[in-house]
Protein backbone atom coordinates (compact mmCIF):
# COMPACT_ATOMS: atom_id res chain seq x y z
CA UNK A 1 -22.13 24.15 -28.14
CA UNK A 2 -22.08 21.55 -25.06
CA UNK A 3 -22.07 22.75 -21.53
CA UNK A 4 -23.20 21.89 -17.98
CA UNK A 5 -24.95 23.76 -15.20
CA UNK A 6 -25.56 22.62 -11.44
CA UNK A 7 -28.68 21.97 -10.07
CA UNK A 8 -28.29 22.65 -6.43
CA UNK A 9 -30.93 22.37 -3.68
CA UNK A 10 -31.05 21.44 0.02
CA UNK A 11 -33.38 18.77 -1.02
CA UNK A 12 -31.63 16.38 -3.18
CA UNK A 13 -35.03 15.06 -4.87
CA UNK A 14 -36.13 17.99 -5.38
CA UNK A 15 -32.56 19.05 -7.43
CA UNK A 16 -32.62 15.64 -9.26
CA UNK A 17 -35.76 16.47 -10.70
CA UNK A 18 -35.30 19.90 -11.97
CA UNK A 19 -31.74 18.63 -13.76
CA UNK A 20 -33.78 15.79 -15.17
CA UNK A 21 -36.36 18.07 -16.67
CA UNK A 22 -33.51 20.54 -18.31
CA UNK A 23 -31.29 18.06 -19.27
CA UNK A 24 -31.07 17.47 -23.36
CA UNK A 25 -29.30 14.31 -23.44
CA UNK A 26 -27.14 15.61 -26.10
CA UNK A 27 -25.78 19.09 -25.43
CA UNK A 28 -26.57 20.32 -22.13
CA UNK A 29 -26.07 18.21 -18.58
CA UNK A 30 -27.19 19.44 -15.65
CA UNK A 31 -25.46 18.23 -12.19
CA UNK A 32 -27.17 17.94 -8.97
CA UNK A 33 -25.76 19.19 -5.51
CA UNK A 34 -26.79 19.80 -1.64
CA UNK A 35 -24.44 22.34 -1.62
CA UNK A 36 -25.88 25.28 -2.27
CA UNK A 37 -23.44 27.44 -0.53
CA UNK A 38 -21.05 25.89 -3.09
CA UNK A 39 -22.44 26.11 -5.97
CA UNK A 40 -23.11 29.78 -5.23
CA UNK A 41 -19.91 30.61 -4.35
CA UNK A 42 -18.69 28.80 -7.36
CA UNK A 43 -20.77 30.56 -9.56
CA UNK A 44 -19.01 34.09 -8.96
CA UNK A 45 -15.47 33.12 -8.74
CA UNK A 46 -15.52 30.86 -11.73
CA UNK A 47 -16.60 34.62 -13.47
CA UNK A 48 -13.51 36.46 -12.28
CA UNK A 49 -11.15 33.27 -12.91
CA UNK A 50 -12.64 33.20 -16.41
CA UNK A 51 -11.70 37.06 -16.88
CA UNK A 52 -8.40 36.09 -15.62
CA UNK A 53 -7.96 33.60 -18.06
CA UNK A 54 -8.53 36.17 -20.60
CA UNK A 55 -5.76 38.74 -19.17
CA UNK A 56 -3.41 36.11 -19.50
CA UNK A 57 -4.25 35.48 -23.03
CA UNK A 58 -3.86 39.32 -23.83
CA UNK A 59 -1.04 39.59 -22.09
CA UNK A 60 0.66 37.01 -24.23
CA UNK A 61 1.34 34.13 -21.45
CA UNK A 62 0.89 30.75 -22.71
CA UNK A 63 -0.91 27.72 -21.51
CA UNK A 64 1.01 26.80 -18.54
CA UNK A 65 0.61 30.68 -16.87
CA UNK A 66 -3.48 29.43 -17.69
CA UNK A 67 -2.78 25.90 -15.81
CA UNK A 68 -1.48 27.84 -12.97
CA UNK A 69 -4.32 29.94 -12.82
CA UNK A 70 -6.67 27.29 -12.98
CA UNK A 71 -4.76 25.01 -10.28
CA UNK A 72 -4.58 27.76 -7.63
CA UNK A 73 -7.75 29.71 -8.43
CA UNK A 74 -9.79 26.51 -7.68
CA UNK A 75 -7.61 25.63 -4.36
CA UNK A 76 -9.04 29.37 -3.27
CA UNK A 77 -12.30 28.87 -4.26
CA UNK A 78 -12.38 26.06 -2.11
CA UNK A 79 -11.63 27.95 0.49
CA UNK A 80 -13.73 30.84 0.06
CA UNK A 81 -16.54 28.61 -0.40
CA UNK A 82 -15.66 26.91 2.85
CA UNK A 83 -15.73 29.65 4.74
CA UNK A 84 -18.86 30.32 3.52
CA UNK A 85 -20.32 27.61 4.68
CA UNK A 86 -19.81 25.36 1.54
CA UNK A 87 -19.15 22.10 2.77
CA UNK A 88 -16.37 21.44 0.04
CA UNK A 89 -18.40 18.77 -2.53
CA UNK A 90 -19.14 21.50 -4.94
CA UNK A 91 -15.64 21.73 -6.03
CA UNK A 92 -14.69 18.10 -5.86
């Protein structure tokens, strides 16, 4: 199954080196960021959004409700990350 990860470091050179090492060019893609705070917050909040998405599915809501959750969830995630010291680029 295809997936991706983000390698975050205050040193972009270090993050790039690690990303090249872990990417396999086929199913795993590693992105690079120097926004460590943003990546940490995003990693936690995306799990909350995933649980909420599953709850919507279990309650029988459709794709529009899921799209609204993702849209508003990303907006709130960005606000939270910026409040935690993110530069906001990790969520772009």
